[in-house]
């Protein structure tokens, strides 16, 4: 039985696997359909596409876009879209800029407390893609402020650098742009996005009202209850159920194909697989 994994990150964003490594590991894991969905970047998915097809895998072009909904950072997966569409491209690039600006603000706020940090040095710094994560996490590790890549993430909240104030576009606007570019807009890991909500089913309904085409139902951190709520919503509202590991290589602890979702459970043809 072949599996599907439509949520994988490469070295083009914050994963530690190159597109070549992703394809090789997918084949080894018995995965028959994949999508590289880097954060606010399309270079990795375009690089992986011919490699996947050459290896006999079905492939879906993808990207994960940061959006904002009710003060929350909502990740919107775009599948099968025209990545030459100017409006969608501008949204993706803008989201990437907003992410980078968050790190710039964090650095400025940390400078008085950490004299070993330097704005000019940071501007010239080049991250090591094999470590995963993003530039600021790499820099804090190199300067000895942290001892592991993920340790640096705590500083954003400590210094008041939040996703809510980052300036991401509204979820509904991004979903509409994805559809206008011929793609499908899918809510990524709603069990994480809506964590802390007292009424998860109702919150999911409200978020789905933003005009999405599907929901990532099969996800490593989803409980069985969350998975079933997501699948029920998809069945009731005729949305597309998808599956993804959210693998970042060694930067996080999920593996390609981890959900062990059979290809038949995901409508790949409707997502642009070929």
Protein backbone atom coordinates (compact mmCIF):
# COMPACT_ATOMS: atom_id res chain seq x y z
CA UNK A 1 0.00 0.00 0.00
CA UNK A 2 1.37 3.42 -0.98
CA UNK A 3 0.98 6.40 1.33
CA UNK A 4 0.45 10.09 0.75
CA UNK A 5 2.30 12.98 2.40
CA UNK A 6 1.39 16.45 1.19
CA UNK A 7 3.16 18.54 3.82
CA UNK A 8 6.97 18.40 3.75
CA UNK A 9 9.53 21.17 4.26
CA UNK A 10 12.90 21.41 2.53
CA UNK A 11 16.11 23.38 2.97
CA UNK A 12 14.50 26.14 0.93
CA UNK A 13 12.59 27.13 4.08
CA UNK A 14 13.24 25.59 7.50
CA UNK A 15 13.67 21.88 6.83
CA UNK A 16 16.98 20.00 6.87
CA UNK A 17 16.34 17.78 3.83
CA UNK A 18 17.10 18.89 0.30
CA UNK A 19 14.44 18.14 -2.34
CA UNK A 20 16.64 15.25 -3.48
CA UNK A 21 16.70 13.80 0.04
CA UNK A 22 12.94 14.25 0.41
CA UNK A 23 12.23 12.25 -2.73
CA UNK A 24 14.66 9.49 -1.73
CA UNK A 25 13.21 9.21 1.77
CA UNK A 26 9.65 9.22 0.44
CA UNK A 27 10.42 6.26 -1.79
CA UNK A 28 12.10 4.43 1.10
CA UNK A 29 9.06 5.09 3.33
CA UNK A 30 6.60 3.68 0.81
CA UNK A 31 5.08 7.07 0.03
CA UNK A 32 3.60 7.30 -3.44
CA UNK A 33 2.45 10.92 -3.54
CA UNK A 34 4.17 13.96 -2.04
CA UNK A 35 4.16 17.73 -1.93
CA UNK A 36 6.96 20.00 -0.76
CA UNK A 37 5.23 22.89 1.00
CA UNK A 38 7.87 25.28 2.23
CA UNK A 39 6.95 28.28 4.35
CA UNK A 40 6.27 31.26 2.12
CA UNK A 41 8.63 30.01 -0.60
CA UNK A 42 8.11 28.07 -3.84
CA UNK A 43 11.67 27.28 -4.91
CA UNK A 44 11.74 23.95 -3.09
CA UNK A 45 8.49 22.65 -4.52
CA UNK A 46 9.53 23.56 -8.06
CA UNK A 47 12.89 21.84 -7.57
CA UNK A 48 11.29 18.70 -6.15
CA UNK A 49 8.65 18.31 -8.85
CA UNK A 50 10.77 16.78 -11.65
CA UNK A 51 12.74 14.71 -9.15
CA UNK A 52 9.57 13.18 -7.73
CA UNK A 53 8.17 12.34 -11.13
CA UNK A 54 11.46 10.79 -12.22
CA UNK A 55 11.25 8.56 -9.13
CA UNK A 56 7.73 7.43 -10.08
CA UNK A 57 5.91 9.48 -7.45
CA UNK A 58 2.75 11.50 -7.91
CA UNK A 59 3.47 15.13 -7.17
CA UNK A 60 1.43 18.13 -6.08
CA UNK A 61 2.95 21.60 -6.22
CA UNK A 62 2.53 23.27 -2.86
CA UNK A 63 3.41 26.10 -0.51
CA UNK A 64 2.45 26.92 3.09
CA UNK A 65 1.47 30.57 3.53
CA UNK A 66 1.25 32.45 6.82
CA UNK A 67 -2.10 34.22 7.21
CA UNK A 68 -4.00 35.88 10.03
CA UNK A 69 -7.41 34.93 11.44
CA UNK A 70 -8.83 36.35 14.66
CA UNK A 71 -5.35 37.18 15.93
CA UNK A 72 -3.98 33.73 15.14
CA UNK A 73 -1.28 32.71 12.69
CA UNK A 74 -3.14 30.37 10.34
CA UNK A 75 -1.10 28.32 7.90
CA UNK A 76 -2.80 27.98 4.54
CA UNK A 77 -1.59 25.24 2.20
CA UNK A 78 -1.87 26.10 -1.49
CA UNK A 79 -1.98 23.09 -3.79
CA UNK A 80 -1.88 22.92 -7.57
CA UNK A 81 -1.85 26.69 -8.07
CA UNK A 82 -0.19 28.59 -10.88
CA UNK A 83 2.96 29.82 -9.20
CA UNK A 84 3.46 32.38 -11.95
CA UNK A 85 0.26 34.15 -10.92
CA UNK A 86 1.40 37.64 -9.95
CA UNK A 87 -1.12 38.20 -7.16
CA UNK A 88 -0.38 34.90 -5.46
CA UNK A 89 3.36 35.38 -5.90
CA UNK A 90 3.17 38.82 -4.29
CA UNK A 91 1.28 37.39 -1.31
CA UNK A 92 3.85 34.62 -0.86
CA UNK A 93 6.77 37.04 -1.09
CA UNK A 94 5.13 39.51 1.26
CA UNK A 95 4.54 36.78 3.86
CA UNK A 96 8.21 35.84 3.65
CA UNK A 97 9.18 39.48 4.18
CA UNK A 98 6.89 39.72 7.20
CA UNK A 99 8.52 36.63 8.71
CA UNK A 100 11.98 38.10 8.20
CA UNK A 101 10.86 41.40 9.71
CA UNK A 102 9.80 39.54 12.87
CA UNK A 103 13.39 38.39 13.32
CA UNK A 104 14.71 41.88 12.63
CA UNK A 105 12.46 43.28 15.36
CA UNK A 106 13.49 40.55 17.76
CA UNK A 107 17.16 41.27 17.20
CA UNK A 108 16.65 44.99 17.84
CA UNK A 109 14.89 44.24 21.13
CA UNK A 110 17.51 41.72 22.26
CA UNK A 111 20.56 43.90 21.55
CA UNK A 112 20.52 45.76 24.93
CA UNK A 113 20.42 42.46 26.82
CA UNK A 114 22.88 40.45 24.69
CA UNK A 115 26.00 42.47 23.85
CA UNK A 116 27.43 39.61 21.77
CA UNK A 117 24.74 40.24 19.13
CA UNK A 118 25.35 42.78 16.38
CA UNK A 119 22.92 44.13 13.77
CA UNK A 120 25.55 44.50 11.06
CA UNK A 121 26.88 41.02 11.66
CA UNK A 122 23.37 39.62 11.52
CA UNK A 123 22.65 41.38 8.23
CA UNK A 124 25.70 39.72 6.66
CA UNK A 125 25.10 36.35 8.32
CA UNK A 126 24.19 33.37 6.13
CA UNK A 127 22.35 30.50 7.74
CA UNK A 128 23.36 26.86 7.33
CA UNK A 129 20.41 25.18 5.53
CA UNK A 130 21.43 21.77 6.86
CA UNK A 131 20.52 22.93 10.39
CA UNK A 132 16.93 23.78 9.47
CA UNK A 133 15.07 26.61 11.13
CA UNK A 134 15.40 30.18 10.00
CA UNK A 135 18.18 32.75 9.99
CA UNK A 136 17.62 34.20 13.47
CA UNK A 137 17.60 30.78 15.11
CA UNK A 138 20.87 29.97 13.32
CA UNK A 139 22.41 33.25 14.44
CA UNK A 140 21.45 32.85 18.10
CA UNK A 141 22.97 29.36 18.08
CA UNK A 142 26.20 30.56 16.45
CA UNK A 143 26.56 33.38 18.99
CA UNK A 144 26.09 31.02 21.94
CA UNK A 145 22.83 32.54 23.11
CA UNK A 146 21.15 29.16 22.64
CA UNK A 147 22.38 25.57 22.68
CA UNK A 148 19.87 24.13 20.19
CA UNK A 149 18.07 25.51 17.17
CA UNK A 150 14.60 25.36 18.69
CA UNK A 151 15.72 27.14 21.89
CA UNK A 152 15.61 30.47 20.10
CA UNK A 153 11.90 30.28 19.43
CA UNK A 154 11.07 31.23 23.03
CA UNK A 155 12.61 34.68 22.63
CA UNK A 156 9.91 35.84 20.21
CA UNK A 157 7.22 35.64 22.87
CA UNK A 158 9.55 36.92 25.59
CA UNK A 159 10.27 40.10 23.62
CA UNK A 160 6.73 40.60 22.38
CA UNK A 161 7.33 39.77 18.72
CA UNK A 162 4.07 38.09 17.79
CA UNK A 163 2.49 36.66 14.67
CA UNK A 164 -0.61 38.71 15.40
CA UNK A 165 1.36 41.92 14.85
CA UNK A 166 3.42 40.67 11.91
CA UNK A 167 1.11 42.05 9.23
CA UNK A 168 0.13 38.83 7.47
CA UNK A 169 -2.85 39.01 5.13
CA UNK A 170 -6.25 37.72 6.27
CA UNK A 171 -6.88 34.00 5.77
CA UNK A 172 -9.91 34.61 3.56
CA UNK A 173 -8.01 36.92 1.25
CA UNK A 174 -5.21 34.39 0.81
CA UNK A 175 -7.65 31.53 0.21
CA UNK A 176 -9.35 33.59 -2.50
CA UNK A 177 -6.01 34.35 -4.16
CA UNK A 178 -5.09 30.67 -4.18
CA UNK A 179 -8.37 29.74 -5.84
CA UNK A 180 -8.04 32.59 -8.34
CA UNK A 181 -4.65 31.13 -9.31
CA UNK A 182 -6.29 27.79 -10.05
CA UNK A 183 -5.26 26.14 -6.81
CA UNK A 184 -6.87 24.64 -3.72
CA UNK A 185 -6.67 26.35 -0.33
CA UNK A 186 -6.33 23.88 2.54
CA UNK A 187 -6.21 24.58 6.28
CA UNK A 188 -2.99 23.19 7.72
CA UNK A 189 -3.05 21.31 11.04
CA UNK A 190 -6.20 22.90 12.51
CA UNK A 191 -5.70 20.88 15.68
CA UNK A 192 -2.61 23.01 16.34
CA UNK A 193 -3.92 26.26 14.93
CA UNK A 194 -7.03 26.12 17.12
CA UNK A 195 -5.42 24.66 20.22
CA UNK A 196 -6.90 26.16 23.35
CA UNK A 197 -10.31 26.76 21.79
CA UNK A 198 -13.02 25.57 24.14
CA UNK A 199 -15.27 24.54 21.28
CA UNK A 200 -12.98 23.15 18.60
CA UNK A 201 -15.74 22.01 16.18
CA UNK A 202 -17.36 25.45 16.19
CA UNK A 203 -14.02 27.23 15.78
CA UNK A 204 -13.15 24.94 12.89
CA UNK A 205 -16.48 25.74 11.24
CA UNK A 206 -15.80 29.47 11.54
CA UNK A 207 -12.33 29.11 10.14
CA UNK A 208 -13.62 27.00 7.26
CA UNK A 209 -16.03 29.83 6.47
CA UNK A 210 -13.03 31.78 5.17
CA UNK A 211 -13.56 30.01 1.86
CA UNK A 212 -11.17 27.09 2.02
CA UNK A 213 -11.32 24.03 -0.23
CA UNK A 214 -9.99 21.48 2.22
CA UNK A 215 -8.66 20.56 5.65
CA UNK A 216 -5.50 18.71 6.65
CA UNK A 217 -7.29 15.99 8.60
CA UNK A 218 -4.52 13.40 8.89
CA UNK A 219 -1.67 14.96 10.87
CA UNK A 220 0.77 13.48 13.43
CA UNK A 221 -0.29 15.72 16.33
CA UNK A 222 -4.02 15.32 15.75
CA UNK A 223 -5.85 13.14 18.21
CA UNK A 224 -8.36 10.64 16.90
CA UNK A 225 -11.18 12.96 17.98
CA UNK A 226 -9.71 15.94 16.12
CA UNK A 227 -9.18 13.82 13.03
CA UNK A 228 -12.79 12.66 13.07
CA UNK A 229 -14.13 16.19 13.58
CA UNK A 230 -12.09 17.36 10.58
CA UNK A 231 -13.25 14.44 8.42
CA UNK A 232 -16.87 15.04 9.42
CA UNK A 233 -16.58 18.69 8.42
CA UNK A 234 -15.10 17.73 5.05
CA UNK A 235 -17.89 15.23 4.39
CA UNK A 236 -20.63 17.63 5.44
CA UNK A 237 -19.33 20.65 3.53
CA UNK A 238 -17.79 18.78 0.60
CA UNK A 239 -14.25 19.87 1.42
CA UNK A 240 -11.09 17.97 0.48
CA UNK A 241 -9.40 15.93 3.25
CA UNK A 242 -5.60 15.91 3.06
CA UNK A 243 -2.72 14.28 4.91
CA UNK A 244 0.70 15.57 5.85
CA UNK A 245 3.57 14.83 8.20
CA UNK A 246 4.82 18.44 8.38
CA UNK A 247 8.28 16.89 8.27
CA UNK A 248 11.14 19.36 8.79
CA UNK A 249 13.86 16.72 8.79
CA UNK A 250 16.10 16.90 11.84
CA UNK A 251 14.73 20.31 12.85
CA UNK A 252 11.63 18.62 14.25
CA UNK A 253 10.67 15.06 15.05
CA UNK A 254 8.12 13.97 12.43
CA UNK A 255 9.05 11.72 9.54
CA UNK A 256 7.95 11.62 5.91
CA UNK A 257 4.87 9.42 5.59
CA UNK A 258 4.35 9.30 9.35
CA UNK A 259 0.54 9.42 9.22
CA UNK A 260 0.54 6.24 7.09
CA UNK A 261 -2.42 7.58 5.15
CA UNK A 262 -3.35 5.49 2.12
CA UNK A 263 -3.39 7.40 -1.15
CA UNK A 264 -7.03 6.46 -1.68
CA UNK A 265 -8.10 8.56 1.32
CA UNK A 266 -6.98 11.82 -0.32
CA UNK A 267 -8.51 13.12 -3.60
CA UNK A 268 -5.14 13.70 -5.23
CA UNK A 269 -6.52 14.45 -8.68
CA UNK A 270 -8.55 17.34 -7.28
CA UNK A 271 -5.40 18.79 -5.71
CA UNK A 272 -3.51 18.84 -8.99
CA UNK A 273 -1.46 15.66 -8.63
CA UNK A 274 0.30 14.39 -11.72
